[in-house]
């Protein structure tokens, strides 16, 4: 499997914000 557009969207947010992901996955 591969990342979907939601995964890529969150990565893209790092261009403008500090982003911390806490995942149950």
PDBML (XML) file of the C-alpha atoms, coordinates in Angstrom:
<?xml version="1.0" encoding="UTF-8" ?>
<PDBx:datablock datablockName="MODEL"
   xmlns:PDBx="http://pdbml.pdb.org/schema/pdbx-v50.xsd"
   xmlns:xsi="http://www.w3.org/2001/XMLSchema-instance"
   xsi:schemaLocation="http://pdbml.pdb.org/schema/pdbx-v50.xsd pdbx-v50.xsd">
   <PDBx:atom_siteCategory>
      <PDBx:atom_site id="1">
         <PDBx:B_iso_or_equiv>0.00</PDBx:B_iso_or_equiv>
         <PDBx:Cartn_x>0.000</PDBx:Cartn_x>
         <PDBx:Cartn_y>0.000</PDBx:Cartn_y>
         <PDBx:Cartn_z>0.000</PDBx:Cartn_z>
         <PDBx:auth_asym_id>A</PDBx:auth_asym_id>
         <PDBx:auth_atom_id>CA</PDBx:auth_atom_id>
         <PDBx:auth_comp_id>UNK</PDBx:auth_comp_id>
         <PDBx:auth_seq_id>1</PDBx:auth_seq_id>
         <PDBx:group_PDB>ATOM</PDBx:group_PDB>
         <PDBx:label_alt_id xsi:nil="true" />
         <PDBx:label_asym_id>A</PDBx:label_asym_id>
         <PDBx:label_atom_id>CA</PDBx:label_atom_id>
         <PDBx:label_comp_id>UNK</PDBx:label_comp_id>
         <PDBx:label_entity_id>1</PDBx:label_entity_id>
         <PDBx:label_seq_id>1</PDBx:label_seq_id>
         <PDBx:occupancy>1.00</PDBx:occupancy>
         <PDBx:pdbx_PDB_model_num>1</PDBx:pdbx_PDB_model_num>
         <PDBx:type_symbol>C</PDBx:type_symbol>
      </PDBx:atom_site>
      <PDBx:atom_site id="2">
         <PDBx:B_iso_or_equiv>0.00</PDBx:B_iso_or_equiv>
         <PDBx:Cartn_x>0.964</PDBx:Cartn_x>
         <PDBx:Cartn_y>3.651</PDBx:Cartn_y>
         <PDBx:Cartn_z>-0.344</PDBx:Cartn_z>
         <PDBx:auth_asym_id>A</PDBx:auth_asym_id>
         <PDBx:auth_atom_id>CA</PDBx:auth_atom_id>
         <PDBx:auth_comp_id>UNK</PDBx:auth_comp_id>
         <PDBx:auth_seq_id>2</PDBx:auth_seq_id>
         <PDBx:group_PDB>ATOM</PDBx:group_PDB>
         <PDBx:label_alt_id xsi:nil="true" />
         <PDBx:label_asym_id>A</PDBx:label_asym_id>
         <PDBx:label_atom_id>CA</PDBx:label_atom_id>
         <PDBx:label_comp_id>UNK</PDBx:label_comp_id>
         <PDBx:label_entity_id>1</PDBx:label_entity_id>
         <PDBx:label_seq_id>2</PDBx:label_seq_id>
         <PDBx:occupancy>1.00</PDBx:occupancy>
         <PDBx:pdbx_PDB_model_num>1</PDBx:pdbx_PDB_model_num>
         <PDBx:type_symbol>C</PDBx:type_symbol>
      </PDBx:atom_site>
      <PDBx:atom_site id="3">
         <PDBx:B_iso_or_equiv>0.00</PDBx:B_iso_or_equiv>
         <PDBx:Cartn_x>0.186</PDBx:Cartn_x>
         <PDBx:Cartn_y>6.887</PDBx:Cartn_y>
         <PDBx:Cartn_z>1.474</PDBx:Cartn_z>
         <PDBx:auth_asym_id>A</PDBx:auth_asym_id>
         <PDBx:auth_atom_id>CA</PDBx:auth_atom_id>
         <PDBx:auth_comp_id>UNK</PDBx:auth_comp_id>
         <PDBx:auth_seq_id>3</PDBx:auth_seq_id>
         <PDBx:group_PDB>ATOM</PDBx:group_PDB>
         <PDBx:label_alt_id xsi:nil="true" />
         <PDBx:label_asym_id>A</PDBx:label_asym_id>
         <PDBx:label_atom_id>CA</PDBx:label_atom_id>
         <PDBx:label_comp_id>UNK</PDBx:label_comp_id>
         <PDBx:label_entity_id>1</PDBx:label_entity_id>
         <PDBx:label_seq_id>3</PDBx:label_seq_id>
         <PDBx:occupancy>1.00</PDBx:occupancy>
         <PDBx:pdbx_PDB_model_num>1</PDBx:pdbx_PDB_model_num>
         <PDBx:type_symbol>C</PDBx:type_symbol>
      </PDBx:atom_site>
      <PDBx:atom_site id="4">
         <PDBx:B_iso_or_equiv>0.00</PDBx:B_iso_or_equiv>
         <PDBx:Cartn_x>-3.021</PDBx:Cartn_x>
         <PDBx:Cartn_y>8.577</PDBx:Cartn_y>
         <PDBx:Cartn_z>0.357</PDBx:Cartn_z>
         <PDBx:auth_asym_id>A</PDBx:auth_asym_id>
         <PDBx:auth_atom_id>CA</PDBx:auth_atom_id>
         <PDBx:auth_comp_id>UNK</PDBx:auth_comp_id>
         <PDBx:auth_seq_id>4</PDBx:auth_seq_id>
         <PDBx:group_PDB>ATOM</PDBx:group_PDB>
         <PDBx:label_alt_id xsi:nil="true" />
         <PDBx:label_asym_id>A</PDBx:label_asym_id>
         <PDBx:label_atom_id>CA</PDBx:label_atom_id>
         <PDBx:label_comp_id>UNK</PDBx:label_comp_id>
         <PDBx:label_entity_id>1</PDBx:label_entity_id>
         <PDBx:label_seq_id>4</PDBx:label_seq_id>
         <PDBx:occupancy>1.00</PDBx:occupancy>
         <PDBx:pdbx_PDB_model_num>1</PDBx:pdbx_PDB_model_num>
         <PDBx:type_symbol>C</PDBx:type_symbol>
      </PDBx:atom_site>
      <PDBx:atom_site id="5">
         <PDBx:B_iso_or_equiv>0.00</PDBx:B_iso_or_equiv>
         <PDBx:Cartn_x>-3.695</PDBx:Cartn_x>
         <PDBx:Cartn_y>12.250</PDBx:Cartn_y>
         <PDBx:Cartn_z>-0.321</PDBx:Cartn_z>
         <PDBx:auth_asym_id>A</PDBx:auth_asym_id>
         <PDBx:auth_atom_id>CA</PDBx:auth_atom_id>
         <PDBx:auth_comp_id>UNK</PDBx:auth_comp_id>
         <PDBx:auth_seq_id>5</PDBx:auth_seq_id>
         <PDBx:group_PDB>ATOM</PDBx:group_PDB>
         <PDBx:label_alt_id xsi:nil="true" />
         <PDBx:label_asym_id>A</PDBx:label_asym_id>
         <PDBx:label_atom_id>CA</PDBx:label_atom_id>
         <PDBx:label_comp_id>UNK</PDBx:label_comp_id>
         <PDBx:label_entity_id>1</PDBx:label_entity_id>
         <PDBx:label_seq_id>5</PDBx:label_seq_id>
         <PDBx:occupancy>1.00</PDBx:occupancy>
         <PDBx:pdbx_PDB_model_num>1</PDBx:pdbx_PDB_model_num>
         <PDBx:type_symbol>C</PDBx:type_symbol>
      </PDBx:atom_site>
      <PDBx:atom_site id="6">
         <PDBx:B_iso_or_equiv>0.00</PDBx:B_iso_or_equiv>
         <PDBx:Cartn_x>-4.576</PDBx:Cartn_x>
         <PDBx:Cartn_y>12.847</PDBx:Cartn_y>
         <PDBx:Cartn_z>3.341</PDBx:Cartn_z>
         <PDBx:auth_asym_id>A</PDBx:auth_asym_id>
         <PDBx:auth_atom_id>CA</PDBx:auth_atom_id>
         <PDBx:auth_comp_id>UNK</PDBx:auth_comp_id>
         <PDBx:auth_seq_id>6</PDBx:auth_seq_id>
         <PDBx:group_PDB>ATOM</PDBx:group_PDB>
         <PDBx:label_alt_id xsi:nil="true" />
         <PDBx:label_asym_id>A</PDBx:label_asym_id>
         <PDBx:label_atom_id>CA</PDBx:label_atom_id>
         <PDBx:label_comp_id>UNK</PDBx:label_comp_id>
         <PDBx:label_entity_id>1</PDBx:label_entity_id>
         <PDBx:label_seq_id>6</PDBx:label_seq_id>
         <PDBx:occupancy>1.00</PDBx:occupancy>
         <PDBx:pdbx_PDB_model_num>1</PDBx:pdbx_PDB_model_num>
         <PDBx:type_symbol>C</PDBx:type_symbol>
      </PDBx:atom_site>
      <PDBx:atom_site id="7">
         <PDBx:B_iso_or_equiv>0.00</PDBx:B_iso_or_equiv>
         <PDBx:Cartn_x>-1.086</PDBx:Cartn_x>
         <PDBx:Cartn_y>11.732</PDBx:Cartn_y>
         <PDBx:Cartn_z>4.392</PDBx:Cartn_z>
         <PDBx:auth_asym_id>A</PDBx:auth_asym_id>
         <PDBx:auth_atom_id>CA</PDBx:auth_atom_id>
         <PDBx:auth_comp_id>UNK</PDBx:auth_comp_id>
         <PDBx:auth_seq_id>7</PDBx:auth_seq_id>
         <PDBx:group_PDB>ATOM</PDBx:group_PDB>
         <PDBx:label_alt_id xsi:nil="true" />
         <PDBx:label_asym_id>A</PDBx:label_asym_id>
         <PDBx:label_atom_id>CA</PDBx:label_atom_id>
         <PDBx:label_comp_id>UNK</PDBx:label_comp_id>
         <PDBx:label_entity_id>1</PDBx:label_entity_id>
         <PDBx:label_seq_id>7</PDBx:label_seq_id>
         <PDBx:occupancy>1.00</PDBx:occupancy>
         <PDBx:pdbx_PDB_model_num>1</PDBx:pdbx_PDB_model_num>
         <PDBx:type_symbol>C</PDBx:type_symbol>
      </PDBx:atom_site>
      <PDBx:atom_site id="8">
         <PDBx:B_iso_or_equiv>0.00</PDBx:B_iso_or_equiv>
         <PDBx:Cartn_x>0.469</PDBx:Cartn_x>
         <PDBx:Cartn_y>13.984</PDBx:Cartn_y>
         <PDBx:Cartn_z>1.755</PDBx:Cartn_z>
         <PDBx:auth_asym_id>A</PDBx:auth_asym_id>
         <PDBx:auth_atom_id>CA</PDBx:auth_atom_id>
         <PDBx:auth_comp_id>UNK</PDBx:auth_comp_id>
         <PDBx:auth_seq_id>8</PDBx:auth_seq_id>
         <PDBx:group_PDB>ATOM</PDBx:group_PDB>
         <PDBx:label_alt_id xsi:nil="true" />
         <PDBx:label_asym_id>A</PDBx:label_asym_id>
         <PDBx:label_atom_id>CA</PDBx:label_atom_id>
         <PDBx:label_comp_id>UNK</PDBx:label_comp_id>
         <PDBx:label_entity_id>1</PDBx:label_entity_id>
         <PDBx:label_seq_id>8</PDBx:label_seq_id>
         <PDBx:occupancy>1.00</PDBx:occupancy>
         <PDBx:pdbx_PDB_model_num>1</PDBx:pdbx_PDB_model_num>
         <PDBx:type_symbol>C</PDBx:type_symbol>
      </PDBx:atom_site>
      <PDBx:atom_site id="9">
         <PDBx:B_iso_or_equiv>0.00</PDBx:B_iso_or_equiv>
         <PDBx:Cartn_x>-1.791</PDBx:Cartn_x>
         <PDBx:Cartn_y>16.866</PDBx:Cartn_y>
         <PDBx:Cartn_z>2.794</PDBx:Cartn_z>
         <PDBx:auth_asym_id>A</PDBx:auth_asym_id>
         <PDBx:auth_atom_id>CA</PDBx:auth_atom_id>
         <PDBx:auth_comp_id>UNK</PDBx:auth_comp_id>
         <PDBx:auth_seq_id>9</PDBx:auth_seq_id>
         <PDBx:group_PDB>ATOM</PDBx:group_PDB>
         <PDBx:label_alt_id xsi:nil="true" />
         <PDBx:label_asym_id>A</PDBx:label_asym_id>
         <PDBx:label_atom_id>CA</PDBx:label_atom_id>
         <PDBx:label_comp_id>UNK</PDBx:label_comp_id>
         <PDBx:label_entity_id>1</PDBx:label_entity_id>
         <PDBx:label_seq_id>9</PDBx:label_seq_id>
         <PDBx:occupancy>1.00</PDBx:occupancy>
         <PDBx:pdbx_PDB_model_num>1</PDBx:pdbx_PDB_model_num>
         <PDBx:type_symbol>C</PDBx:type_symbol>
      </PDBx:atom_site>
      <PDBx:atom_site id="10">
         <PDBx:B_iso_or_equiv>0.00</PDBx:B_iso_or_equiv>
         <PDBx:Cartn_x>-0.575</PDBx:Cartn_x>
         <PDBx:Cartn_y>16.701</PDBx:Cartn_y>
         <PDBx:Cartn_z>6.394</PDBx:Cartn_z>
         <PDBx:auth_asym_id>A</PDBx:auth_asym_id>
         <PDBx:auth_atom_id>CA</PDBx:auth_atom_id>
         <PDBx:auth_comp_id>UNK</PDBx:auth_comp_id>
         <PDBx:auth_seq_id>10</PDBx:auth_seq_id>
         <PDBx:group_PDB>ATOM</PDBx:group_PDB>
         <PDBx:label_alt_id xsi:nil="true" />
         <PDBx:label_asym_id>A</PDBx:label_asym_id>
         <PDBx:label_atom_id>CA</PDBx:label_atom_id>
         <PDBx:label_comp_id>UNK</PDBx:label_comp_id>
         <PDBx:label_entity_id>1</PDBx:label_entity_id>
         <PDBx:label_seq_id>10</PDBx:label_seq_id>
         <PDBx:occupancy>1.00</PDBx:occupancy>
         <PDBx:pdbx_PDB_model_num>1</PDBx:pdbx_PDB_model_num>
         <PDBx:type_symbol>C</PDBx:type_symbol>
      </PDBx:atom_site>
      <PDBx:atom_site id="11">
         <PDBx:B_iso_or_equiv>0.00</PDBx:B_iso_or_equiv>
         <PDBx:Cartn_x>3.035</PDBx:Cartn_x>
         <PDBx:Cartn_y>16.635</PDBx:Cartn_y>
         <PDBx:Cartn_z>5.207</PDBx:Cartn_z>
         <PDBx:auth_asym_id>A</PDBx:auth_asym_id>
         <PDBx:auth_atom_id>CA</PDBx:auth_atom_id>
         <PDBx:auth_comp_id>UNK</PDBx:auth_comp_id>
         <PDBx:auth_seq_id>11</PDBx:auth_seq_id>
         <PDBx:group_PDB>ATOM</PDBx:group_PDB>
         <PDBx:label_alt_id xsi:nil="true" />
         <PDBx:label_asym_id>A</PDBx:label_asym_id>
         <PDBx:label_atom_id>CA</PDBx:label_atom_id>
         <PDBx:label_comp_id>UNK</PDBx:label_comp_id>
         <PDBx:label_entity_id>1</PDBx:label_entity_id>
         <PDBx:label_seq_id>11</PDBx:label_seq_id>
         <PDBx:occupancy>1.00</PDBx:occupancy>
         <PDBx:pdbx_PDB_model_num>1</PDBx:pdbx_PDB_model_num>
         <PDBx:type_symbol>C</PDBx:type_symbol>
      </PDBx:atom_site>
      <PDBx:atom_site id="12">
         <PDBx:B_iso_or_equiv>0.00</PDBx:B_iso_or_equiv>
         <PDBx:Cartn_x>2.309</PDBx:Cartn_x>
         <PDBx:Cartn_y>19.709</PDBx:Cartn_y>
         <PDBx:Cartn_z>3.064</PDBx:Cartn_z>
         <PDBx:auth_asym_id>A</PDBx:auth_asym_id>
         <PDBx:auth_atom_id>CA</PDBx:auth_atom_id>
         <PDBx:auth_comp_id>UNK</PDBx:auth_comp_id>
         <PDBx:auth_seq_id>12</PDBx:auth_seq_id>
         <PDBx:group_PDB>ATOM</PDBx:group_PDB>
         <PDBx:label_alt_id xsi:nil="true" />
         <PDBx:label_asym_id>A</PDBx:label_asym_id>
         <PDBx:label_atom_id>CA</PDBx:label_atom_id>
         <PDBx:label_comp_id>UNK</PDBx:label_comp_id>
         <PDBx:label_entity_id>1</PDBx:label_entity_id>
         <PDBx:label_seq_id>12</PDBx:label_seq_id>
         <PDBx:occupancy>1.00</PDBx:occupancy>
         <PDBx:pdbx_PDB_model_num>1</PDBx:pdbx_PDB_model_num>
         <PDBx:type_symbol>C</PDBx:type_symbol>
      </PDBx:atom_site>
      <PDBx:atom_site id="13">
         <PDBx:B_iso_or_equiv>0.00</PDBx:B_iso_or_equiv>
         <PDBx:Cartn_x>1.107</PDBx:Cartn_x>
         <PDBx:Cartn_y>21.624</PDBx:Cartn_y>
         <PDBx:Cartn_z>6.154</PDBx:Cartn_z>
         <PDBx:auth_asym_id>A</PDBx:auth_asym_id>
         <PDBx:auth_atom_id>CA</PDBx:auth_atom_id>
         <PDBx:auth_comp_id>UNK</PDBx:auth_comp_id>
         <PDBx:auth_seq_id>13</PDBx:auth_seq_id>
         <PDBx:group_PDB>ATOM</PDBx:group_PDB>
         <PDBx:label_alt_id xsi:nil="true" />
         <PDBx:label_asym_id>A</PDBx:label_asym_id>
         <PDBx:label_atom_id>CA</PDBx:label_atom_id>
         <PDBx:label_comp_id>UNK</PDBx:label_comp_id>
         <PDBx:label_entity_id>1</PDBx:label_entity_id>
         <PDBx:label_seq_id>13</PDBx:label_seq_id>
         <PDBx:occupancy>1.00</PDBx:occupancy>
         <PDBx:pdbx_PDB_model_num>1</PDBx:pdbx_PDB_model_num>
         <PDBx:type_symbol>C</PDBx:type_symbol>
      </PDBx:atom_site>
      <PDBx:atom_site id="14">
         <PDBx:B_iso_or_equiv>0.00</PDBx:B_iso_or_equiv>
         <PDBx:Cartn_x>4.710</PDBx:Cartn_x>
         <PDBx:Cartn_y>21.601</PDBx:Cartn_y>
         <PDBx:Cartn_z>7.404</PDBx:Cartn_z>
         <PDBx:auth_asym_id>A</PDBx:auth_asym_id>
         <PDBx:auth_atom_id>CA</PDBx:auth_atom_id>
         <PDBx:auth_comp_id>UNK</PDBx:auth_comp_id>
         <PDBx:auth_seq_id>14</PDBx:auth_seq_id>
         <PDBx:group_PDB>ATOM</PDBx:group_PDB>
         <PDBx:label_alt_id xsi:nil="true" />
         <PDBx:label_asym_id>A</PDBx:label_asym_id>
         <PDBx:label_atom_id>CA</PDBx:label_atom_id>
         <PDBx:label_comp_id>UNK</PDBx:label_comp_id>
         <PDBx:label_entity_id>1</PDBx:label_entity_id>
         <PDBx:label_seq_id>14</PDBx:label_seq_id>
         <PDBx:occupancy>1.00</PDBx:occupancy>
         <PDBx:pdbx_PDB_model_num>1</PDBx:pdbx_PDB_model_num>
         <PDBx:type_symbol>C</PDBx:type_symbol>
      </PDBx:atom_site>
      <PDBx:atom_site id="15">
         <PDBx:B_iso_or_equiv>0.00</PDBx:B_iso_or_equiv>
         <PDBx:Cartn_x>5.466</PDBx:Cartn_x>
         <PDBx:Cartn_y>24.297</PDBx:Cartn_y>
         <PDBx:Cartn_z>4.798</PDBx:Cartn_z>
         <PDBx:auth_asym_id>A</PDBx:auth_asym_id>
         <PDBx:auth_atom_id>CA</PDBx:auth_atom_id>
         <PDBx:auth_comp_id>UNK</PDBx:auth_comp_id>
         <PDBx:auth_seq_id>15</PDBx:auth_seq_id>
         <PDBx:group_PDB>ATOM</PDBx:group_PDB>
         <PDBx:label_alt_id xsi:nil="true" />
         <PDBx:label_asym_id>A</PDBx:label_asym_id>
         <PDBx:label_atom_id>CA</PDBx:label_atom_id>
         <PDBx:label_comp_id>UNK</PDBx:label_comp_id>
         <PDBx:label_entity_id>1</PDBx:label_entity_id>
         <PDBx:label_seq_id>15</PDBx:label_seq_id>
         <PDBx:occupancy>1.00</PDBx:occupancy>
         <PDBx:pdbx_PDB_model_num>1</PDBx:pdbx_PDB_model_num>
         <PDBx:type_symbol>C</PDBx:type_symbol>
      </PDBx:atom_site>
      <PDBx:atom_site id="16">
         <PDBx:B_iso_or_equiv>0.00</PDBx:B_iso_or_equiv>
         <PDBx:Cartn_x>3.472</PDBx:Cartn_x>
         <PDBx:Cartn_y>26.819</PDBx:Cartn_y>
         <PDBx:Cartn_z>6.845</PDBx:Cartn_z>
         <PDBx:auth_asym_id>A</PDBx:auth_asym_id>
         <PDBx:auth_atom_id>CA</PDBx:auth_atom_id>
         <PDBx:auth_comp_id>UNK</PDBx:auth_comp_id>
         <PDBx:auth_seq_id>16</PDBx:auth_seq_id>
         <PDBx:group_PDB>ATOM</PDBx:group_PDB>
         <PDBx:label_alt_id xsi:nil="true" />
         <PDBx:label_asym_id>A</PDBx:label_asym_id>
         <PDBx:label_atom_id>CA</PDBx:label_atom_id>
         <PDBx:label_comp_id>UNK</PDBx:label_comp_id>
         <PDBx:label_entity_id>1</PDBx:label_entity_id>
         <PDBx:label_seq_id>16</PDBx:label_seq_id>
         <PDBx:occupancy>1.00</PDBx:occupancy>
         <PDBx:pdbx_PDB_model_num>1</PDBx:pdbx_PDB_model_num>
         <PDBx:type_symbol>C</PDBx:type_symbol>
      </PDBx:atom_site>
      <PDBx:atom_site id="17">
         <PDBx:B_iso_or_equiv>0.00</PDBx:B_iso_or_equiv>
         <PDBx:Cartn_x>3.083</PDBx:Cartn_x>
         <PDBx:Cartn_y>25.363</PDBx:Cartn_y>
         <PDBx:Cartn_z>10.344</PDBx:Cartn_z>
         <PDBx:auth_asym_id>A</PDBx:auth_asym_id>
         <PDBx:auth_atom_id>CA</PDBx:auth_atom_id>
         <PDBx:auth_comp_id>UNK</PDBx:auth_comp_id>
         <PDBx:auth_seq_id>17</PDBx:auth_seq_id>
         <PDBx:group_PDB>ATOM</PDBx:group_PDB>
         <PDBx:label_alt_id xsi:nil="true" />
         <PDBx:label_asym_id>A</PDBx:label_asym_id>
         <PDBx:label_atom_id>CA</PDBx:label_atom_id>
         <PDBx:label_comp_id>UNK</PDBx:label_comp_id>
         <PDBx:label_entity_id>1</PDBx:label_entity_id>
         <PDBx:label_seq_id>17</PDBx:label_seq_id>
         <PDBx:occupancy>1.00</PDBx:occupancy>
         <PDBx:pdbx_PDB_model_num>1</PDBx:pdbx_PDB_model_num>
         <PDBx:type_symbol>C</PDBx:type_symbol>
      </PDBx:atom_site>
      <PDBx:atom_site id="18">
         <PDBx:B_iso_or_equiv>0.00</PDBx:B_iso_or_equiv>
         <PDBx:Cartn_x>4.873</PDBx:Cartn_x>
         <PDBx:Cartn_y>23.382</PDBx:Cartn_y>
         <PDBx:Cartn_z>12.997</PDBx:Cartn_z>
         <PDBx:auth_asym_id>A</PDBx:auth_asym_id>
         <PDBx:auth_atom_id>CA</PDBx:auth_atom_id>
         <PDBx:auth_comp_id>UNK</PDBx:auth_comp_id>
         <PDBx:auth_seq_id>18</PDBx:auth_seq_id>
         <PDBx:group_PDB>ATOM</PDBx:group_PDB>
         <PDBx:label_alt_id xsi:nil="true" />
         <PDBx:label_asym_id>A</PDBx:label_asym_id>
         <PDBx:label_atom_id>CA</PDBx:label_atom_id>
         <PDBx:label_comp_id>UNK</PDBx:label_comp_id>
         <PDBx:label_entity_id>1</PDBx:label_entity_id>
         <PDBx:label_seq_id>18</PDBx:label_seq_id>
         <PDBx:occupancy>1.00</PDBx:occupancy>
         <PDBx:pdbx_PDB_model_num>1</PDBx:pdbx_PDB_model_num>
         <PDBx:type_symbol>C</PDBx:type_symbol>
      </PDBx:atom_site>
      <PDBx:atom_site id="19">
         <PDBx:B_iso_or_equiv>0.00</PDBx:B_iso_or_equiv>
         <PDBx:Cartn_x>3.056</PDBx:Cartn_x>
         <PDBx:Cartn_y>20.027</PDBx:Cartn_y>
         <PDBx:Cartn_z>12.744</PDBx:Cartn_z>
         <PDBx:auth_asym_id>A</PDBx:auth_asym_id>
         <PDBx:auth_atom_id>CA</PDBx:auth_atom_id>
         <PDBx:auth_comp_id>UNK</PDBx:auth_comp_id>
         <PDBx:auth_seq_id>19</PDBx:auth_seq_id>
         <PDBx:group_PDB>ATOM</PDBx:group_PDB>
         <PDBx:label_alt_id xsi:nil="true" />
         <PDBx:label_asym_id>A</PDBx:label_asym_id>
         <PDBx:label_atom_id>CA</PDBx:label_atom_id>
         <PDBx:label_comp_id>UNK</PDBx:label_comp_id>
         <PDBx:label_entity_id>1</PDBx:label_entity_id>
         <PDBx:label_seq_id>19</PDBx:label_seq_id>
         <PDBx:occupancy>1.00</PDBx:occupancy>
         <PDBx:pdbx_PDB_model_num>1</PDBx:pdbx_PDB_model_num>
         <PDBx:type_symbol>C</PDBx:type_symbol>
      </PDBx:atom_site>
      <PDBx:atom_site id="20">
         <PDBx:B_iso_or_equiv>0.00</PDBx:B_iso_or_equiv>
         <PDBx:Cartn_x>3.100</PDBx:Cartn_x>
         <PDBx:Cartn_y>17.218</PDBx:Cartn_y>
         <PDBx:Cartn_z>15.320</PDBx:Cartn_z>
         <PDBx:auth_asym_id>A</PDBx:auth_asym_id>
         <PDBx:auth_atom_id>CA</PDBx:auth_atom_id>
         <PDBx:auth_comp_id>UNK</PDBx:auth_comp_id>
         <PDBx:auth_seq_id>20</PDBx:auth_seq_id>
         <PDBx:group_PDB>ATOM</PDBx:group_PDB>
         <PDBx:label_alt_id xsi:nil="true" />
         <PDBx:label_asym_id>A</PDBx:label_asym_id>
         <PDBx:label_atom_id>CA</PDBx:label_atom_id>
         <PDBx:label_comp_id>UNK</PDBx:label_comp_id>
         <PDBx:label_entity_id>1</PDBx:label_entity_id>
         <PDBx:label_seq_id>20</PDBx:label_seq_id>
         <PDBx:occupancy>1.00</PDBx:occupancy>
         <PDBx:pdbx_PDB_model_num>1</PDBx:pdbx_PDB_model_num>
         <PDBx:type_symbol>C</PDBx:type_symbol>
      </PDBx:atom_site>
      <PDBx:atom_site id="21">
         <PDBx:B_iso_or_equiv>0.00</PDBx:B_iso_or_equiv>
         <PDBx:Cartn_x>1.297</PDBx:Cartn_x>
         <PDBx:Cartn_y>14.000</PDBx:Cartn_y>
         <PDBx:Cartn_z>14.420</PDBx:Cartn_z>
         <PDBx:auth_asym_id>A</PDBx:auth_asym_id>
         <PDBx:auth_atom_id>CA</PDBx:auth_atom_id>
         <PDBx:auth_comp_id>UNK</PDBx:auth_comp_id>
         <PDBx:auth_seq_id>21</PDBx:auth_seq_id>
         <PDBx:group_PDB>ATOM</PDBx:group_PDB>
         <PDBx:label_alt_id xsi:nil="true" />
         <PDBx:label_asym_id>A</PDBx:label_asym_id>
         <PDBx:label_atom_id>CA</PDBx:label_atom_id>
         <PDBx:label_comp_id>UNK</PDBx:label_comp_id>
         <PDBx:label_entity_id>1</PDBx:label_entity_id>
         <PDBx:label_seq_id>21</PDBx:label_seq_id>
         <PDBx:occupancy>1.00</PDBx:occupancy>
         <PDBx:pdbx_PDB_model_num>1</PDBx:pdbx_PDB_model_num>
         <PDBx:type_symbol>C</PDBx:type_symbol>
      </PDBx:atom_site>
      <PDBx:atom_site id="22">
         <PDBx:B_iso_or_equiv>0.00</PDBx:B_iso_or_equiv>
         <PDBx:Cartn_x>0.205</PDBx:Cartn_x>
         <PDBx:Cartn_y>11.644</PDBx:Cartn_y>
         <PDBx:Cartn_z>17.188</PDBx:Cartn_z>
         <PDBx:auth_asym_id>A</PDBx:auth_asym_id>
         <PDBx:auth_atom_id>CA</PDBx:auth_atom_id>
         <PDBx:auth_comp_id>UNK</PDBx:auth_comp_id>
         <PDBx:auth_seq_id>22</PDBx:auth_seq_id>
         <PDBx:group_PDB>ATOM</PDBx:group_PDB>
         <PDBx:label_alt_id xsi:nil="true" />
         <PDBx:label_asym_id>A</PDBx:label_asym_id>
         <PDBx:label_atom_id>CA</PDBx:label_atom_id>
         <PDBx:label_comp_id>UNK</PDBx:label_comp_id>
         <PDBx:label_entity_id>1</PDBx:label_entity_id>
         <PDBx:label_seq_id>22</PDBx:label_seq_id>
         <PDBx:occupancy>1.00</PDBx:occupancy>
         <PDBx:pdbx_PDB_model_num>1</PDBx:pdbx_PDB_model_num>
         <PDBx:type_symbol>C</PDBx:type_symbol>
      </PDBx:atom_site>
      <PDBx:atom_site id="23">
         <PDBx:B_iso_or_equiv>0.00</PDBx:B_iso_or_equiv>
         <PDBx:Cartn_x>-1.068</PDBx:Cartn_x>
         <PDBx:Cartn_y>8.452</PDBx:Cartn_y>
         <PDBx:Cartn_z>15.615</PDBx:Cartn_z>
         <PDBx:auth_asym_id>A</PDBx:auth_asym_id>
         <PDBx:auth_atom_id>CA</PDBx:auth_atom_id>
         <PDBx:auth_comp_id>UNK</PDBx:auth_comp_id>
         <PDBx:auth_seq_id>23</PDBx:auth_seq_id>
         <PDBx:group_PDB>ATOM</PDBx:group_PDB>
         <PDBx:label_alt_id xsi:nil="true" />
         <PDBx:label_asym_id>A</PDBx:label_asym_id>
         <PDBx:label_atom_id>CA</PDBx:label_atom_id>
         <PDBx:label_comp_id>UNK</PDBx:label_comp_id>
         <PDBx:label_entity_id>1</PDBx:label_entity_id>
         <PDBx:label_seq_id>23</PDBx:label_seq_id>
         <PDBx:occupancy>1.00</PDBx:occupancy>
         <PDBx:pdbx_PDB_model_num>1</PDBx:pdbx_PDB_model_num>
         <PDBx:type_symbol>C</PDBx:type_symbol>
      </PDBx:atom_site>
      <PDBx:atom_site id="24">
         <PDBx:B_iso_or_equiv>0.00</PDBx:B_iso_or_equiv>
         <PDBx:Cartn_x>-2.749</PDBx:Cartn_x>
         <PDBx:Cartn_y>5.303</PDBx:Cartn_y>
         <PDBx:Cartn_z>16.862</PDBx:Cartn_z>
         <PDBx:auth_asym_id>A</PDBx:auth_asym_id>
         <PDBx:auth_atom_id>CA</PDBx:auth_atom_id>
         <PDBx:auth_comp_id>UNK</PDBx:auth_comp_id>
         <PDBx:auth_seq_id>24</PDBx:auth_seq_id>
         <PDBx:group_PDB>ATOM</PDBx:group_PDB>
         <PDBx:label_alt_id xsi:nil="true" />
         <PDBx:label_asym_id>A</PDBx:label_asym_id>
         <PDBx:label_atom_id>CA</PDBx:label_atom_id>
         <PDBx:label_comp_id>UNK</PDBx:label_comp_id>
         <PDBx:label_entity_id>1</PDBx:label_entity_id>
         <PDBx:label_seq_id>24</PDBx:label_seq_id>
         <PDBx:occupancy>1.00</PDBx:occupancy>
         <PDBx:pdbx_PDB_model_num>1</PDBx:pdbx_PDB_model_num>
         <PDBx:type_symbol>C</PDBx:type_symbol>
      </PDBx:atom_site>
      <PDBx:atom_site id="25">
         <PDBx:B_iso_or_equiv>0.00</PDBx:B_iso_or_equiv>
         <PDBx:Cartn_x>-1.717</PDBx:Cartn_x>
         <PDBx:Cartn_y>3.638</PDBx:Cartn_y>
         <PDBx:Cartn_z>13.595</PDBx:Cartn_z>
         <PDBx:auth_asym_id>A</PDBx:auth_asym_id>
         <PDBx:auth_atom_id>CA</PDBx:auth_atom_id>
         <PDBx:auth_comp_id>UNK</PDBx:auth_comp_id>
         <PDBx:auth_seq_id>25</PDBx:auth_seq_id>
         <PDBx:group_PDB>ATOM</PDBx:group_PDB>
         <PDBx:label_alt_id xsi:nil="true" />
         <PDBx:label_asym_id>A</PDBx:label_asym_id>
         <PDBx:label_atom_id>CA</PDBx:label_atom_id>
         <PDBx:label_comp_id>UNK</PDBx:label_comp_id>
         <PDBx:label_entity_id>1</PDBx:label_entity_id>
         <PDBx:label_seq_id>25</PDBx:label_seq_id>
         <PDBx:occupancy>1.00</PDBx:occupancy>
         <PDBx:pdbx_PDB_model_num>1</PDBx:pdbx_PDB_model_num>
         <PDBx:type_symbol>C</PDBx:type_symbol>
      </PDBx:atom_site>
   </PDBx:atom_siteCategory>
</PDBx:datablock>
